[in-house]
Amino acid sequence: QLPTSTSDDSGALFNYGRLQLSRSHMVDFTLVNDGVIPATARCEVRGRNPNFSVTCPSTVSLAPKESQRVEIRYQPRTEGEHEISLRINTQHNPFEDTTIRFKGEGYVEDVCWDLQDAPQAPRDMEPGSPGRMQAMHPPPPDELEL
């Protein structure tokens, strides 16, 4: 499931969707000063949640048109829904305060095939040649008799 984002009167929401335990998904966001004067923002993570890691300095000073990268990683360690909020408060400008909520759902797959470390056929072999590895597909769940 791909991440989604929405926005309403309560602020922005970024949904990482469902992610298998111990997998991770990292998204970079960019904080930009679109104004004509320097701005200083405070970044405050609300709610401790070991399923998220936030890489953002607590205070960010930006010259006009300057930007700062913010990294949010979701790595579920437990099953269920997880949420964290990042409040960005621009000093001396109450109209530029915002809160972004990040959420995701960790799940366990009862049976799964993880072939990320499976050997790969050399790219220079022709399909069907004797040395070429044949594609293997997992059996249908009905044949597993689980």
N, C-alpha and C. Protein backbone atom coordinates (compact mmCIF):
# COMPACT_ATOMS: atom_id res chain seq x y z
N GLN A 1 0.85 -1.17 0.00
CA GLN A 1 0.00 0.00 0.00
C GLN A 1 0.89 1.23 0.00
N LEU A 2 0.60 2.17 -0.88
CA LEU A 2 1.40 3.38 -0.99
C LEU A 2 1.00 4.41 0.06
N PRO A 3 1.95 5.23 0.53
CA PRO A 3 1.62 6.28 1.48
C PRO A 3 0.67 7.29 0.84
N THR A 4 -0.16 7.91 1.66
CA THR A 4 -1.08 8.94 1.19
C THR A 4 -0.99 10.14 2.11
N SER A 5 -1.43 11.29 1.62
CA SER A 5 -1.46 12.48 2.47
C SER A 5 -2.78 13.20 2.24
N THR A 6 -3.27 13.82 3.30
CA THR A 6 -4.49 14.62 3.23
C THR A 6 -4.29 15.86 4.08
N SER A 7 -5.16 16.82 3.91
CA SER A 7 -5.08 18.04 4.71
C SER A 7 -6.50 18.55 4.96
N ASP A 8 -6.75 19.02 6.18
CA ASP A 8 -8.03 19.61 6.52
C ASP A 8 -7.81 20.66 7.59
N ASP A 9 -8.87 21.11 8.25
CA ASP A 9 -8.76 22.16 9.26
C ASP A 9 -7.90 21.74 10.45
N SER A 10 -7.78 20.45 10.71
CA SER A 10 -7.00 19.99 11.85
C SER A 10 -5.53 19.81 11.52
N GLY A 11 -5.13 20.12 10.29
CA GLY A 11 -3.74 19.99 9.88
C GLY A 11 -3.57 18.92 8.83
N ALA A 12 -2.33 18.58 8.56
CA ALA A 12 -2.02 17.60 7.53
C ALA A 12 -1.87 16.21 8.14
N LEU A 13 -2.16 15.21 7.34
CA LEU A 13 -2.01 13.81 7.76
C LEU A 13 -1.24 13.08 6.67
N PHE A 14 -0.18 12.39 7.06
CA PHE A 14 0.55 11.53 6.13
C PHE A 14 0.39 10.11 6.61
N ASN A 15 -0.20 9.27 5.78
CA ASN A 15 -0.49 7.89 6.15
C ASN A 15 0.47 6.96 5.42
N TYR A 16 1.32 6.26 6.17
CA TYR A 16 2.26 5.31 5.59
C TYR A 16 1.56 4.03 5.14
N GLY A 17 0.32 3.84 5.55
CA GLY A 17 -0.41 2.63 5.18
C GLY A 17 0.04 1.44 6.01
N ARG A 18 -0.21 0.24 5.50
CA ARG A 18 0.18 -1.00 6.20
C ARG A 18 1.61 -1.36 5.83
N LEU A 19 2.38 -1.75 6.85
CA LEU A 19 3.77 -2.13 6.64
C LEU A 19 4.08 -3.33 7.53
N GLN A 20 4.70 -4.33 6.96
CA GLN A 20 5.04 -5.54 7.70
C GLN A 20 6.05 -5.21 8.81
N LEU A 21 5.92 -5.88 9.96
CA LEU A 21 6.83 -5.65 11.08
C LEU A 21 8.28 -5.78 10.62
N SER A 22 9.13 -4.93 11.19
CA SER A 22 10.57 -4.87 10.94
C SER A 22 10.94 -4.31 9.58
N ARG A 23 9.99 -4.06 8.70
CA ARG A 23 10.28 -3.35 7.45
C ARG A 23 10.26 -1.86 7.78
N SER A 24 10.81 -1.05 6.90
CA SER A 24 10.77 0.39 7.16
C SER A 24 10.49 1.15 5.88
N HIS A 25 9.93 2.32 6.06
CA HIS A 25 9.67 3.22 4.93
C HIS A 25 10.03 4.62 5.39
N MET A 26 10.92 5.27 4.64
CA MET A 26 11.39 6.59 5.01
C MET A 26 10.93 7.59 3.96
N VAL A 27 10.47 8.74 4.41
CA VAL A 27 10.03 9.81 3.52
C VAL A 27 10.73 11.10 3.93
N ASP A 28 11.27 11.80 2.94
CA ASP A 28 11.88 13.11 3.17
C ASP A 28 10.84 14.19 2.89
N PHE A 29 10.76 15.16 3.79
CA PHE A 29 9.93 16.33 3.60
C PHE A 29 10.87 17.52 3.58
N THR A 30 10.46 18.61 2.97
CA THR A 30 11.31 19.80 2.90
C THR A 30 10.57 20.98 3.51
N LEU A 31 11.21 21.60 4.49
CA LEU A 31 10.71 22.81 5.11
C LEU A 31 11.34 23.98 4.36
N VAL A 32 10.52 24.86 3.77
CA VAL A 32 11.02 25.95 2.92
C VAL A 32 10.56 27.29 3.45
N ASN A 33 11.44 28.28 3.47
CA ASN A 33 11.09 29.65 3.78
C ASN A 33 10.77 30.35 2.46
N ASP A 34 9.48 30.46 2.13
CA ASP A 34 9.06 31.12 0.90
C ASP A 34 8.95 32.63 1.07
N GLY A 35 9.23 33.13 2.27
CA GLY A 35 9.10 34.56 2.55
C GLY A 35 10.28 35.36 2.06
N VAL A 36 10.26 36.66 2.41
CA VAL A 36 11.33 37.58 1.99
C VAL A 36 12.21 37.99 3.17
N ILE A 37 11.88 37.51 4.37
CA ILE A 37 12.71 37.79 5.54
C ILE A 37 13.12 36.46 6.17
N PRO A 38 14.22 36.44 6.93
CA PRO A 38 14.63 35.19 7.60
C PRO A 38 13.54 34.73 8.58
N ALA A 39 13.47 33.42 8.76
CA ALA A 39 12.47 32.85 9.67
C ALA A 39 13.12 31.77 10.51
N THR A 40 12.63 31.64 11.72
CA THR A 40 13.09 30.58 12.62
C THR A 40 11.89 29.77 13.05
N ALA A 41 12.01 28.46 12.91
CA ALA A 41 10.91 27.57 13.28
C ALA A 41 11.40 26.59 14.33
N ARG A 42 10.49 26.21 15.20
CA ARG A 42 10.77 25.17 16.19
C ARG A 42 10.02 23.92 15.75
N CYS A 43 10.72 22.81 15.77
CA CYS A 43 10.10 21.52 15.42
C CYS A 43 9.97 20.71 16.69
N GLU A 44 8.75 20.30 16.98
CA GLU A 44 8.47 19.56 18.21
C GLU A 44 7.73 18.27 17.88
N VAL A 45 8.34 17.14 18.25
CA VAL A 45 7.68 15.85 18.07
C VAL A 45 6.77 15.63 19.25
N ARG A 46 5.51 15.36 18.97
CA ARG A 46 4.53 15.14 20.04
C ARG A 46 4.21 13.65 20.14
N GLY A 47 4.35 13.14 21.33
CA GLY A 47 4.07 11.73 21.57
C GLY A 47 5.25 10.87 21.22
N ARG A 48 5.74 10.16 22.19
CA ARG A 48 6.86 9.24 21.92
C ARG A 48 6.30 7.96 21.33
N ASN A 49 6.95 7.52 20.26
CA ASN A 49 6.49 6.32 19.60
C ASN A 49 7.71 5.63 18.98
N PRO A 50 8.11 4.46 19.49
CA PRO A 50 9.32 3.79 18.98
C PRO A 50 9.17 3.29 17.55
N ASN A 51 7.98 3.37 16.98
CA ASN A 51 7.77 2.92 15.61
C ASN A 51 8.14 4.00 14.58
N PHE A 52 8.39 5.23 15.05
CA PHE A 52 8.76 6.33 14.17
C PHE A 52 10.09 6.91 14.62
N SER A 53 10.88 7.38 13.67
CA SER A 53 12.05 8.19 14.00
C SER A 53 11.99 9.46 13.15
N VAL A 54 12.27 10.58 13.80
CA VAL A 54 12.20 11.88 13.15
C VAL A 54 13.58 12.52 13.20
N THR A 55 14.08 12.90 12.02
CA THR A 55 15.37 13.57 11.93
C THR A 55 15.11 15.02 11.54
N CYS A 56 15.12 15.89 12.54
CA CYS A 56 14.86 17.31 12.34
C CYS A 56 15.44 18.05 13.53
N PRO A 57 16.22 19.10 13.29
CA PRO A 57 16.72 19.87 14.44
C PRO A 57 15.55 20.52 15.18
N SER A 58 15.71 20.73 16.48
CA SER A 58 14.61 21.32 17.25
C SER A 58 14.36 22.78 16.87
N THR A 59 15.39 23.48 16.41
CA THR A 59 15.25 24.86 15.93
C THR A 59 15.90 24.97 14.56
N VAL A 60 15.16 25.56 13.62
CA VAL A 60 15.65 25.70 12.25
C VAL A 60 15.58 27.17 11.85
N SER A 61 16.71 27.76 11.51
CA SER A 61 16.74 29.13 11.01
C SER A 61 16.95 29.08 9.50
N LEU A 62 16.04 29.73 8.76
CA LEU A 62 16.10 29.69 7.30
C LEU A 62 16.11 31.10 6.72
N ALA A 63 17.07 31.36 5.86
CA ALA A 63 17.08 32.60 5.11
C ALA A 63 15.98 32.53 4.05
N PRO A 64 15.60 33.65 3.45
CA PRO A 64 14.59 33.60 2.39
C PRO A 64 14.99 32.61 1.29
N LYS A 65 14.02 31.79 0.89
CA LYS A 65 14.16 30.76 -0.15
C LYS A 65 15.06 29.58 0.26
N GLU A 66 15.54 29.57 1.48
CA GLU A 66 16.36 28.45 1.97
C GLU A 66 15.44 27.31 2.44
N SER A 67 15.98 26.08 2.44
CA SER A 67 15.18 24.93 2.84
C SER A 67 15.96 24.01 3.78
N GLN A 68 15.22 23.16 4.48
CA GLN A 68 15.79 22.19 5.42
C GLN A 68 15.06 20.87 5.23
N ARG A 69 15.83 19.80 5.10
CA ARG A 69 15.25 18.47 4.93
C ARG A 69 14.82 17.91 6.28
N VAL A 70 13.66 17.28 6.30
CA VAL A 70 13.14 16.60 7.49
C VAL A 70 12.85 15.16 7.08
N GLU A 71 13.37 14.22 7.85
CA GLU A 71 13.23 12.80 7.51
C GLU A 71 12.35 12.11 8.56
N ILE A 72 11.31 11.42 8.10
CA ILE A 72 10.42 10.66 8.97
C ILE A 72 10.47 9.20 8.52
N ARG A 73 10.88 8.32 9.42
CA ARG A 73 10.95 6.90 9.11
C ARG A 73 9.91 6.15 9.95
N TYR A 74 9.16 5.28 9.28
CA TYR A 74 8.20 4.42 9.96
C TYR A 74 8.71 3.00 9.88
N GLN A 75 8.93 2.40 11.04
CA GLN A 75 9.38 1.01 11.13
C GLN A 75 8.60 0.34 12.26
N PRO A 76 7.47 -0.29 11.90
CA PRO A 76 6.64 -0.87 12.96
C PRO A 76 7.35 -2.01 13.69
N ARG A 77 7.27 -1.96 15.00
CA ARG A 77 7.85 -3.01 15.86
C ARG A 77 6.77 -3.87 16.50
N THR A 78 5.53 -3.34 16.48
CA THR A 78 4.40 -4.07 17.05
C THR A 78 3.22 -3.98 16.07
N GLU A 79 2.33 -4.95 16.18
CA GLU A 79 1.14 -4.93 15.34
C GLU A 79 0.21 -3.80 15.78
N GLY A 80 -0.58 -3.31 14.85
CA GLY A 80 -1.58 -2.31 15.17
C GLY A 80 -1.27 -0.95 14.56
N GLU A 81 -2.13 0.01 14.89
CA GLU A 81 -1.99 1.36 14.37
C GLU A 81 -1.04 2.18 15.24
N HIS A 82 -0.25 3.01 14.59
CA HIS A 82 0.72 3.86 15.27
C HIS A 82 0.59 5.28 14.73
N GLU A 83 0.84 6.25 15.62
CA GLU A 83 0.71 7.64 15.19
C GLU A 83 1.68 8.51 15.97
N ILE A 84 2.14 9.56 15.30
CA ILE A 84 3.01 10.56 15.92
C ILE A 84 2.70 11.90 15.24
N SER A 85 2.97 13.01 15.91
CA SER A 85 2.72 14.33 15.33
C SER A 85 3.99 15.16 15.36
N LEU A 86 4.15 16.00 14.36
CA LEU A 86 5.27 16.94 14.30
C LEU A 86 4.66 18.34 14.21
N ARG A 87 4.93 19.16 15.23
CA ARG A 87 4.44 20.54 15.25
C ARG A 87 5.57 21.45 14.80
N ILE A 88 5.27 22.29 13.83
CA ILE A 88 6.25 23.26 13.33
C ILE A 88 5.70 24.64 13.64
N ASN A 89 6.40 25.35 14.52
CA ASN A 89 5.97 26.64 15.05
C ASN A 89 6.95 27.70 14.57
N THR A 90 6.49 28.59 13.69
CA THR A 90 7.33 29.68 13.20
C THR A 90 7.31 30.81 14.23
N GLN A 91 8.48 31.15 14.73
CA GLN A 91 8.56 32.19 15.78
C GLN A 91 8.12 33.55 15.23
N HIS A 92 7.39 34.27 16.04
CA HIS A 92 6.90 35.63 15.74
C HIS A 92 5.91 35.64 14.57
N ASN A 93 5.30 34.50 14.26
CA ASN A 93 4.30 34.47 13.19
C ASN A 93 3.30 33.35 13.49
N PRO A 94 2.27 33.65 14.29
CA PRO A 94 1.31 32.61 14.68
C PRO A 94 0.49 32.05 13.51
N PHE A 95 0.52 32.71 12.35
CA PHE A 95 -0.25 32.23 11.20
C PHE A 95 0.48 31.10 10.45
N GLU A 96 1.71 30.85 10.81
CA GLU A 96 2.50 29.83 10.12
C GLU A 96 2.75 28.60 10.98
N ASP A 97 1.96 28.40 12.02
CA ASP A 97 2.08 27.20 12.85
C ASP A 97 1.29 26.06 12.21
N THR A 98 1.86 24.90 12.22
CA THR A 98 1.16 23.75 11.65
C THR A 98 1.54 22.48 12.39
N THR A 99 0.64 21.52 12.37
CA THR A 99 0.90 20.20 12.94
C THR A 99 0.64 19.17 11.86
N ILE A 100 1.60 18.29 11.69
CA ILE A 100 1.47 17.21 10.71
C ILE A 100 1.42 15.90 11.47
N ARG A 101 0.38 15.11 11.23
CA ARG A 101 0.25 13.80 11.86
C ARG A 101 0.77 12.74 10.89
N PHE A 102 1.48 11.77 11.45
CA PHE A 102 1.99 10.64 10.67
C PHE A 102 1.40 9.38 11.29
N LYS A 103 0.87 8.51 10.44
CA LYS A 103 0.33 7.28 10.99
C LYS A 103 0.63 6.13 10.06
N GLY A 104 0.57 4.94 10.62
CA GLY A 104 0.79 3.72 9.85
C GLY A 104 0.25 2.55 10.65
N GLU A 105 0.21 1.40 10.01
CA GLU A 105 -0.27 0.19 10.66
C GLU A 105 0.74 -0.92 10.45
N GLY A 106 1.21 -1.50 11.56
CA GLY A 106 2.13 -2.63 11.48
C GLY A 106 1.35 -3.92 11.48
N TYR A 107 1.81 -4.89 10.68
CA TYR A 107 1.12 -6.17 10.64
C TYR A 107 2.13 -7.31 10.50
N VAL A 108 1.66 -8.51 10.86
CA VAL A 108 2.46 -9.73 10.73
C VAL A 108 1.82 -10.58 9.66
N GLU A 109 2.64 -11.05 8.76
CA GLU A 109 2.17 -11.95 7.71
C GLU A 109 2.37 -13.37 8.23
N ASP A 110 1.27 -14.15 8.30
CA ASP A 110 1.38 -15.52 8.81
C ASP A 110 2.29 -16.36 7.94
N VAL A 111 2.17 -16.24 6.64
CA VAL A 111 3.03 -16.96 5.70
C VAL A 111 3.45 -15.95 4.64
N CYS A 112 4.75 -15.86 4.39
CA CYS A 112 5.20 -14.96 3.34
C CYS A 112 6.44 -15.52 2.68
N TRP A 113 6.67 -15.11 1.47
CA TRP A 113 7.85 -15.50 0.71
C TRP A 113 8.74 -14.28 0.62
N ASP A 114 9.93 -14.36 1.15
CA ASP A 114 10.88 -13.25 1.09
C ASP A 114 12.02 -13.69 0.18
N LEU A 115 12.00 -13.21 -1.04
CA LEU A 115 12.99 -13.63 -2.03
C LEU A 115 13.99 -12.53 -2.34
N GLN A 116 14.12 -11.54 -1.47
CA GLN A 116 15.01 -10.43 -1.77
C GLN A 116 16.48 -10.86 -1.85
N ASP A 117 16.87 -11.93 -1.17
CA ASP A 117 18.25 -12.40 -1.23
C ASP A 117 18.41 -13.63 -2.12
N ALA A 118 17.39 -13.96 -2.90
CA ALA A 118 17.45 -15.13 -3.78
C ALA A 118 18.45 -14.88 -4.90
N PRO A 119 19.15 -15.94 -5.36
CA PRO A 119 20.12 -15.74 -6.44
C PRO A 119 19.42 -15.26 -7.71
N GLN A 120 20.09 -14.39 -8.42
CA GLN A 120 19.56 -13.85 -9.67
C GLN A 120 20.35 -14.43 -10.84
N ALA A 121 19.68 -14.64 -11.96
CA ALA A 121 20.34 -15.13 -13.17
C ALA A 121 21.19 -14.00 -13.74
N PRO A 122 22.37 -14.34 -14.28
CA PRO A 122 23.17 -13.30 -14.94
C PRO A 122 22.37 -12.65 -16.06
N ARG A 123 22.55 -11.37 -16.25
CA ARG A 123 21.76 -10.63 -17.23
C ARG A 123 22.14 -10.95 -18.67
N ASP A 124 23.33 -11.53 -18.89
CA ASP A 124 23.76 -11.78 -20.26
C ASP A 124 23.25 -13.12 -20.81
N MET A 125 22.54 -13.91 -20.03
CA MET A 125 22.01 -15.19 -20.50
C MET A 125 20.69 -14.99 -21.22
N GLU A 126 20.48 -15.70 -22.28
CA GLU A 126 19.25 -15.63 -23.05
C GLU A 126 18.15 -16.42 -22.34
N PRO A 127 16.91 -15.96 -22.41
CA PRO A 127 15.81 -16.75 -21.83
C PRO A 127 15.76 -18.14 -22.47
N GLY A 128 15.61 -19.15 -21.63
CA GLY A 128 15.51 -20.52 -22.11
C GLY A 128 16.83 -21.21 -22.35
N SER A 129 17.97 -20.50 -22.17
CA SER A 129 19.27 -21.16 -22.37
C SER A 129 19.52 -22.14 -21.23
N PRO A 130 20.34 -23.20 -21.45
CA PRO A 130 20.53 -24.23 -20.44
C PRO A 130 21.05 -23.71 -19.10
N GLY A 131 21.87 -22.68 -19.11
CA GLY A 131 22.42 -22.16 -17.85
C GLY A 131 21.53 -21.16 -17.16
N ARG A 132 20.43 -20.79 -17.81
CA ARG A 132 19.54 -19.78 -17.24
C ARG A 132 18.66 -20.38 -16.16
N MET A 133 18.54 -19.66 -15.06
CA MET A 133 17.68 -20.10 -13.97
C MET A 133 16.23 -19.90 -14.37
N GLN A 134 15.37 -20.82 -14.06
CA GLN A 134 13.96 -20.73 -14.38
C GLN A 134 13.23 -20.00 -13.24
N ALA A 135 12.26 -19.19 -13.61
CA ALA A 135 11.48 -18.47 -12.60
C ALA A 135 10.69 -19.47 -11.77
N MET A 136 10.71 -19.26 -10.47
CA MET A 136 9.96 -20.12 -9.57
C MET A 136 8.88 -19.28 -8.92
N HIS A 137 7.69 -19.82 -8.86
CA HIS A 137 6.58 -19.12 -8.24
C HIS A 137 6.12 -19.91 -7.03
N PRO A 138 5.74 -19.22 -5.95
CA PRO A 138 5.26 -19.95 -4.77
C PRO A 138 3.96 -20.68 -5.10
N PRO A 139 3.73 -21.81 -4.43
CA PRO A 139 2.49 -22.53 -4.69
C PRO A 139 1.29 -21.73 -4.18
N PRO A 140 0.11 -22.00 -4.75
CA PRO A 140 -1.08 -21.32 -4.25
C PRO A 140 -1.35 -21.71 -2.81
N PRO A 141 -1.96 -20.81 -2.03
CA PRO A 141 -2.21 -21.10 -0.60
C PRO A 141 -2.97 -22.41 -0.38
N ASP A 142 -3.86 -22.79 -1.30
CA ASP A 142 -4.63 -24.03 -1.13
C ASP A 142 -3.72 -25.25 -1.11
N GLU A 143 -2.59 -25.20 -1.83
CA GLU A 143 -1.69 -26.35 -1.90
C GLU A 143 -0.80 -26.45 -0.66
N LEU A 144 -0.72 -25.39 0.12
CA LEU A 144 0.13 -25.42 1.31
C LEU A 144 -0.50 -26.20 2.45
N GLU A 145 -1.82 -26.40 2.42
CA GLU A 145 -2.56 -27.15 3.43
C GLU A 145 -2.27 -26.63 4.84
N LEU A 146 -2.37 -25.33 5.00
CA LEU A 146 -2.11 -24.71 6.32
C LEU A 146 -3.36 -24.65 7.15
